[in-house]
């Protein structure tokens, strides 16, 4: 009668999240500095080159495509039977998601710095605010992996 305890280590996910927060604070500080100082380090970029509507459509299209790819990858992870491989794949998946969010934040910051468009500033602030959901919460991990009986270490 052996107890089969399934352990999931949260430390790597927390580490990636804290790296993300550090980078996000840096980019946020850079955007705030440029916004308040009006010193554009990129220089003048013609508005025709970076039309707000086109860039927003491209941003949302990229996000949509990534989310579809991400959903398929998560489905493969859920199908995995071996717990250690499943957890390792999920950690990798979570790391990719964090990197994607950081890249998206960086692109939005660059678009704001290049155009001084308040639309990109608002998108940047929304992305920063929604970053809190990247924190590795146990309930969220259980829901994503469609599991009920996991123990977590941190």
Protein backbone atom coordinates (compact mmCIF):
# COMPACT_ATOMS: atom_id res chain seq x y z
CA UNK A 1 0.00 0.00 0.00
CA UNK A 2 2.31 2.76 -1.24
CA UNK A 3 1.43 6.39 -1.23
CA UNK A 4 2.00 7.81 -4.66
CA UNK A 5 2.67 11.51 -4.08
CA UNK A 6 3.05 13.58 -7.24
CA UNK A 7 5.27 16.61 -6.60
CA UNK A 8 5.51 19.69 -8.78
CA UNK A 9 8.40 22.08 -8.12
CA UNK A 10 7.34 25.73 -8.37
CA UNK A 11 10.86 27.16 -7.96
CA UNK A 12 11.76 27.37 -11.67
CA UNK A 13 8.44 29.04 -12.49
CA UNK A 14 8.87 31.56 -9.70
CA UNK A 15 12.43 32.27 -10.85
CA UNK A 16 11.26 33.00 -14.41
CA UNK A 17 8.48 35.21 -13.05
CA UNK A 18 10.90 37.28 -10.95
CA UNK A 19 13.23 37.71 -13.94
CA UNK A 20 10.22 38.85 -15.94
CA UNK A 21 9.21 41.35 -13.25
CA UNK A 22 12.75 42.77 -13.16
CA UNK A 23 12.81 43.25 -16.93
CA UNK A 24 9.26 44.65 -16.96
CA UNK A 25 10.15 47.19 -14.27
CA UNK A 26 13.20 48.20 -16.30
CA UNK A 27 11.18 48.67 -19.49
CA UNK A 28 8.42 50.41 -17.55
CA UNK A 29 10.95 52.81 -16.05
CA UNK A 30 12.42 53.49 -19.49
CA UNK A 31 9.00 54.22 -20.96
CA UNK A 32 8.10 56.47 -18.00
CA UNK A 33 11.39 58.34 -18.28
CA UNK A 34 10.98 58.96 -22.00
CA UNK A 35 7.31 59.85 -21.60
CA UNK A 36 7.99 62.47 -18.94
CA UNK A 37 11.25 63.82 -20.37
CA UNK A 38 10.13 63.91 -24.01
CA UNK A 39 13.65 62.82 -25.04
CA UNK A 40 13.13 60.28 -27.80
CA UNK A 41 16.26 58.09 -27.98
CA UNK A 42 15.08 56.48 -31.22
CA UNK A 43 14.67 59.75 -33.08
CA UNK A 44 11.98 60.73 -35.52
CA UNK A 45 10.14 57.88 -37.21
CA UNK A 46 7.55 58.87 -39.82
CA UNK A 47 4.00 58.02 -38.76
CA UNK A 48 3.29 56.44 -42.14
CA UNK A 49 5.88 53.78 -41.34
CA UNK A 50 4.28 52.87 -38.03
CA UNK A 51 0.60 53.50 -38.59
CA UNK A 52 -1.21 52.77 -35.31
CA UNK A 53 -3.99 50.73 -36.85
CA UNK A 54 -1.64 48.49 -38.82
CA UNK A 55 0.68 47.95 -35.88
CA UNK A 56 -2.18 47.14 -33.52
CA UNK A 57 -3.56 44.63 -36.01
CA UNK A 58 -0.11 43.04 -36.32
CA UNK A 59 0.27 42.89 -32.52
CA UNK A 60 -3.11 41.25 -32.04
CA UNK A 61 -2.56 38.85 -34.96
CA UNK A 62 0.78 37.75 -33.49
CA UNK A 63 -0.84 37.29 -30.08
CA UNK A 64 -3.68 35.27 -31.60
CA UNK A 65 -1.27 33.00 -33.51
CA UNK A 66 0.90 32.48 -30.44
CA UNK A 67 -2.15 31.65 -28.34
CA UNK A 68 -3.29 29.00 -30.84
CA UNK A 69 0.20 27.47 -30.95
CA UNK A 70 0.40 27.64 -27.17
CA UNK A 71 -2.96 25.91 -26.73
CA UNK A 72 -1.87 23.02 -28.95
CA UNK A 73 1.37 22.68 -27.01
CA UNK A 74 -0.52 22.62 -23.70
CA UNK A 75 -2.83 19.90 -25.04
CA UNK A 76 0.23 17.75 -25.86
CA UNK A 77 1.57 18.31 -22.35
CA UNK A 78 -1.75 17.26 -20.81
CA UNK A 79 -1.68 14.03 -22.87
CA UNK A 80 1.75 13.07 -21.48
CA UNK A 81 1.49 10.11 -19.10
CA UNK A 82 4.91 10.27 -17.40
CA UNK A 83 4.70 12.86 -14.60
CA UNK A 84 8.35 13.93 -14.69
CA UNK A 85 8.21 14.52 -18.46
CA UNK A 86 4.86 16.25 -18.10
CA UNK A 87 6.11 18.63 -15.41
CA UNK A 88 9.35 19.30 -17.29
CA UNK A 89 7.37 20.10 -20.45
CA UNK A 90 5.02 22.37 -18.50
CA UNK A 91 7.95 24.29 -17.00
CA UNK A 92 9.36 24.74 -20.50
CA UNK A 93 5.93 25.84 -21.74
CA UNK A 94 5.62 28.34 -18.90
CA UNK A 95 9.10 29.70 -19.61
CA UNK A 96 8.16 30.22 -23.28
CA UNK A 97 4.97 31.99 -22.24
CA UNK A 98 6.93 34.31 -19.96
CA UNK A 99 9.49 35.05 -22.68
CA UNK A 100 6.68 35.73 -25.17
CA UNK A 101 5.05 38.17 -22.75
CA UNK A 102 8.36 39.93 -22.18
CA UNK A 103 8.97 40.15 -25.93
CA UNK A 104 5.47 41.53 -26.45
CA UNK A 105 6.08 44.10 -23.72
CA UNK A 106 9.37 45.10 -25.33
CA UNK A 107 7.77 45.50 -28.78
CA UNK A 108 4.98 47.64 -27.35
CA UNK A 109 7.51 49.79 -25.48
CA UNK A 110 9.57 50.21 -28.66
CA UNK A 111 6.45 51.17 -30.65
CA UNK A 112 5.55 53.74 -28.04
CA UNK A 113 9.07 55.16 -28.00
CA UNK A 114 9.09 55.33 -31.80
CA UNK A 115 5.69 56.96 -32.22
CA UNK A 116 4.77 58.60 -28.91
CA UNK A 117 1.28 57.27 -29.56
CA UNK A 118 -0.83 57.11 -26.41
CA UNK A 119 -2.48 53.96 -27.81
CA UNK A 120 0.80 52.06 -27.41
CA UNK A 121 1.27 53.57 -23.96
CA UNK A 122 -2.17 52.28 -22.92
CA UNK A 123 -1.42 48.83 -24.36
CA UNK A 124 1.92 48.83 -22.51
CA UNK A 125 0.24 49.73 -19.21
CA UNK A 126 -2.39 47.02 -19.76
CA UNK A 127 0.32 44.46 -20.45
CA UNK A 128 2.15 45.48 -17.28
CA UNK A 129 -1.06 45.21 -15.24
CA UNK A 130 -1.96 41.80 -16.64
CA UNK A 131 1.54 40.51 -15.85
CA UNK A 132 0.38 39.61 -12.37
CA UNK A 133 -1.38 36.59 -13.90
CA UNK A 134 2.00 35.13 -14.89
CA UNK A 135 2.76 34.40 -11.24
CA UNK A 136 2.78 30.59 -10.84
CA UNK A 137 -0.34 29.96 -8.76
CA UNK A 138 -1.13 26.41 -7.72
CA UNK A 139 -4.80 26.62 -8.69
CA UNK A 140 -3.91 27.92 -12.15
CA UNK A 141 -1.36 25.15 -12.74
CA UNK A 142 -3.85 22.50 -11.62
CA UNK A 143 -6.45 23.95 -13.96
CA UNK A 144 -4.07 24.14 -16.93
CA UNK A 145 -2.75 20.61 -16.44
CA UNK A 146 -6.27 19.34 -15.67
CA UNK A 147 -5.02 17.71 -12.50
CA UNK A 148 -6.49 17.44 -9.02
CA UNK A 149 -4.00 15.58 -6.91
CA UNK A 150 -0.67 17.37 -7.11
CA UNK A 151 1.50 18.50 -4.25
CA UNK A 152 3.66 21.57 -4.73
CA UNK A 153 7.10 22.42 -3.46
CA UNK A 154 8.50 25.90 -3.46
